[in-house]
Amino acid sequence: PGESLEEAVRRETFEETGIEVGDVIYHSSQPWP
């Protein structure tokens, strides 16, 4: 098992912007045809 979606969001946001993100909550997704 690797990192969760929420962990990836925190890591990628920090890597790209230098901003540390706190709690991330997955709301939903929209599949596009």
PDB file of N, CA and C in Angstrom:
ATOM      1  N   PRO A   1       0.823  -1.212   0.000  1.00  0.00           N
ATOM      2  CA  PRO A   1       0.000   0.000   0.000  1.00  0.00           C
ATOM      3  C   PRO A   1       0.856   1.260   0.000  1.00  0.00           C
ATOM      4  N   GLY A   2       0.531   2.142  -0.888  1.00  0.00           N
ATOM      5  CA  GLY A   2       1.235   3.413  -0.976  1.00  0.00           C
ATOM      6  C   GLY A   2       0.490   4.487  -0.218  1.00  0.00           C
ATOM      7  N   GLU A   3       0.650   5.718  -0.661  1.00  0.00           N
ATOM      8  CA  GLU A   3      -0.022   6.822   0.023  1.00  0.00           C
ATOM      9  C   GLU A   3      -1.488   6.912  -0.406  1.00  0.00           C
ATOM     10  N   SER A   4      -2.292   7.462   0.464  1.00  0.00           N
ATOM     11  CA  SER A   4      -3.710   7.639   0.155  1.00  0.00           C
ATOM     12  C   SER A   4      -3.891   8.847  -0.765  1.00  0.00           C
ATOM     13  N   LEU A   5      -5.086   8.988  -1.300  1.00  0.00           N
ATOM     14  CA  LEU A   5      -5.398  10.148  -2.136  1.00  0.00           C
ATOM     15  C   LEU A   5      -5.186  11.436  -1.358  1.00  0.00           C
ATOM     16  N   GLU A   6      -5.651  11.456  -0.117  1.00  0.00           N
ATOM     17  CA  GLU A   6      -5.516  12.649   0.719  1.00  0.00           C
ATOM     18  C   GLU A   6      -4.050  12.984   0.982  1.00  0.00           C
ATOM     19  N   GLU A   7      -3.237  11.960   1.236  1.00  0.00           N
ATOM     20  CA  GLU A   7      -1.801  12.185   1.450  1.00  0.00           C
ATOM     21  C   GLU A   7      -1.137  12.724   0.181  1.00  0.00           C
ATOM     22  N   ALA A   8      -1.549  12.205  -0.967  1.00  0.00           N
ATOM     23  CA  ALA A   8      -0.985  12.667  -2.236  1.00  0.00           C
ATOM     24  C   ALA A   8      -1.333  14.129  -2.491  1.00  0.00           C
ATOM     25  N   VAL A   9      -2.557  14.532  -2.151  1.00  0.00           N
ATOM     26  CA  VAL A   9      -2.962  15.930  -2.323  1.00  0.00           C
ATOM     27  C   VAL A   9      -2.091  16.831  -1.466  1.00  0.00           C
ATOM     28  N   ARG A  10      -1.880  16.454  -0.202  1.00  0.00           N
ATOM     29  CA  ARG A  10      -1.037  17.264   0.690  1.00  0.00           C
ATOM     30  C   ARG A  10       0.389  17.359   0.158  1.00  0.00           C
ATOM     31  N   ARG A  11       0.955  16.223  -0.250  1.00  0.00           N
ATOM     32  CA  ARG A  11       2.336  16.196  -0.738  1.00  0.00           C
ATOM     33  C   ARG A  11       2.496  17.010  -2.019  1.00  0.00           C
ATOM     34  N   GLU A  12       1.616  16.769  -2.992  1.00  0.00           N
ATOM     35  CA  GLU A  12       1.723  17.471  -4.272  1.00  0.00           C
ATOM     36  C   GLU A  12       1.526  18.974  -4.113  1.00  0.00           C
ATOM     37  N   THR A  13       0.589  19.374  -3.263  1.00  0.00           N
ATOM     38  CA  THR A  13       0.364  20.800  -3.035  1.00  0.00           C
ATOM     39  C   THR A  13       1.613  21.439  -2.455  1.00  0.00           C
ATOM     40  N   PHE A  14       2.240  20.774  -1.481  1.00  0.00           N
ATOM     41  CA  PHE A  14       3.453  21.321  -0.882  1.00  0.00           C
ATOM     42  C   PHE A  14       4.594  21.363  -1.894  1.00  0.00           C
ATOM     43  N   GLU A  15       4.755  20.287  -2.675  1.00  0.00           N
ATOM     44  CA  GLU A  15       5.842  20.248  -3.658  1.00  0.00           C
ATOM     45  C   GLU A  15       5.699  21.348  -4.709  1.00  0.00           C
ATOM     46  N   GLU A  16       4.490  21.606  -5.143  1.00  0.00           N
ATOM     47  CA  GLU A  16       4.267  22.570  -6.221  1.00  0.00           C
ATOM     48  C   GLU A  16       4.177  24.012  -5.746  1.00  0.00           C
ATOM     49  N   THR A  17       3.707  24.241  -4.520  1.00  0.00           N
ATOM     50  CA  THR A  17       3.458  25.617  -4.074  1.00  0.00           C
ATOM     51  C   THR A  17       4.200  26.011  -2.809  1.00  0.00           C
ATOM     52  N   GLY A  18       4.677  25.022  -2.037  1.00  0.00           N
ATOM     53  CA  GLY A  18       5.308  25.324  -0.763  1.00  0.00           C
ATOM     54  C   GLY A  18       4.299  25.577   0.347  1.00  0.00           C
ATOM     55  N   ILE A  19       3.020  25.364   0.051  1.00  0.00           N
ATOM     56  CA  ILE A  19       1.962  25.564   1.047  1.00  0.00           C
ATOM     57  C   ILE A  19       1.653  24.237   1.720  1.00  0.00           C
ATOM     58  N   GLU A  20       1.672  24.228   3.052  1.00  0.00           N
ATOM     59  CA  GLU A  20       1.325  23.026   3.795  1.00  0.00           C
ATOM     60  C   GLU A  20      -0.182  22.968   3.988  1.00  0.00           C
ATOM     61  N   VAL A  21      -0.767  21.847   3.582  1.00  0.00           N
ATOM     62  CA  VAL A  21      -2.215  21.654   3.670  1.00  0.00           C
ATOM     63  C   VAL A  21      -2.517  20.788   4.884  1.00  0.00           C
ATOM     64  N   GLY A  22      -3.564  21.140   5.611  1.00  0.00           N
ATOM     65  CA  GLY A  22      -3.987  20.358   6.774  1.00  0.00           C
ATOM     66  C   GLY A  22      -4.849  19.181   6.354  1.00  0.00           C
ATOM     67  N   ASP A  23      -5.989  19.043   6.992  1.00  0.00           N
ATOM     68  CA  ASP A  23      -6.888  17.931   6.705  1.00  0.00           C
ATOM     69  C   ASP A  23      -7.458  18.045   5.299  1.00  0.00           C
ATOM     70  N   VAL A  24      -7.441  16.930   4.586  1.00  0.00           N
ATOM     71  CA  VAL A  24      -8.025  16.851   3.253  1.00  0.00           C
ATOM     72  C   VAL A  24      -9.158  15.838   3.327  1.00  0.00           C
ATOM     73  N   ILE A  25     -10.323  16.222   2.828  1.00  0.00           N
ATOM     74  CA  ILE A  25     -11.479  15.328   2.852  1.00  0.00           C
ATOM     75  C   ILE A  25     -11.919  15.074   1.416  1.00  0.00           C
ATOM     76  N   TYR A  26     -11.970  13.800   1.053  1.00  0.00           N
ATOM     77  CA  TYR A  26     -12.435  13.412  -0.281  1.00  0.00           C
ATOM     78  C   TYR A  26     -13.949  13.541  -0.306  1.00  0.00           C
ATOM     79  N   HIS A  27     -14.454  14.366  -1.209  1.00  0.00           N
ATOM     80  CA  HIS A  27     -15.902  14.619  -1.274  1.00  0.00           C
ATOM     81  C   HIS A  27     -16.581  13.666  -2.244  1.00  0.00           C
ATOM     82  N   SER A  28     -16.185  13.685  -3.486  1.00  0.00           N
ATOM     83  CA  SER A  28     -16.787  12.814  -4.491  1.00  0.00           C
ATOM     84  C   SER A  28     -15.997  12.934  -5.788  1.00  0.00           C
ATOM     85  N   SER A  29     -16.401  12.174  -6.775  1.00  0.00           N
ATOM     86  CA  SER A  29     -15.761  12.272  -8.083  1.00  0.00           C
ATOM     87  C   SER A  29     -16.837  12.306  -9.159  1.00  0.00           C
ATOM     88  N   GLN A  30     -16.462  12.799 -10.319  1.00  0.00           N
ATOM     89  CA  GLN A  30     -17.386  12.883 -11.448  1.00  0.00           C
ATOM     90  C   GLN A  30     -16.774  12.134 -12.619  1.00  0.00           C
ATOM     91  N   PRO A  31     -17.297  10.961 -12.938  1.00  0.00           N
ATOM     92  CA  PRO A  31     -16.793  10.254 -14.114  1.00  0.00           C
ATOM     93  C   PRO A  31     -17.289  10.939 -15.385  1.00  0.00           C
ATOM     94  N   TRP A  32     -16.371  11.194 -16.280  1.00  0.00           N
ATOM     95  CA  TRP A  32     -16.746  11.821 -17.546  1.00  0.00           C
ATOM     96  C   TRP A  32     -16.684  10.774 -18.643  1.00  0.00           C
ATOM     97  N   PRO A  33     -17.726  10.729 -19.466  1.00  0.00           N
ATOM     98  CA  PRO A  33     -17.747   9.723 -20.548  1.00  0.00           C
ATOM     99  C   PRO A  33     -16.678   9.975 -21.588  1.00  0.00           C
TER     100      PRO A  33
END
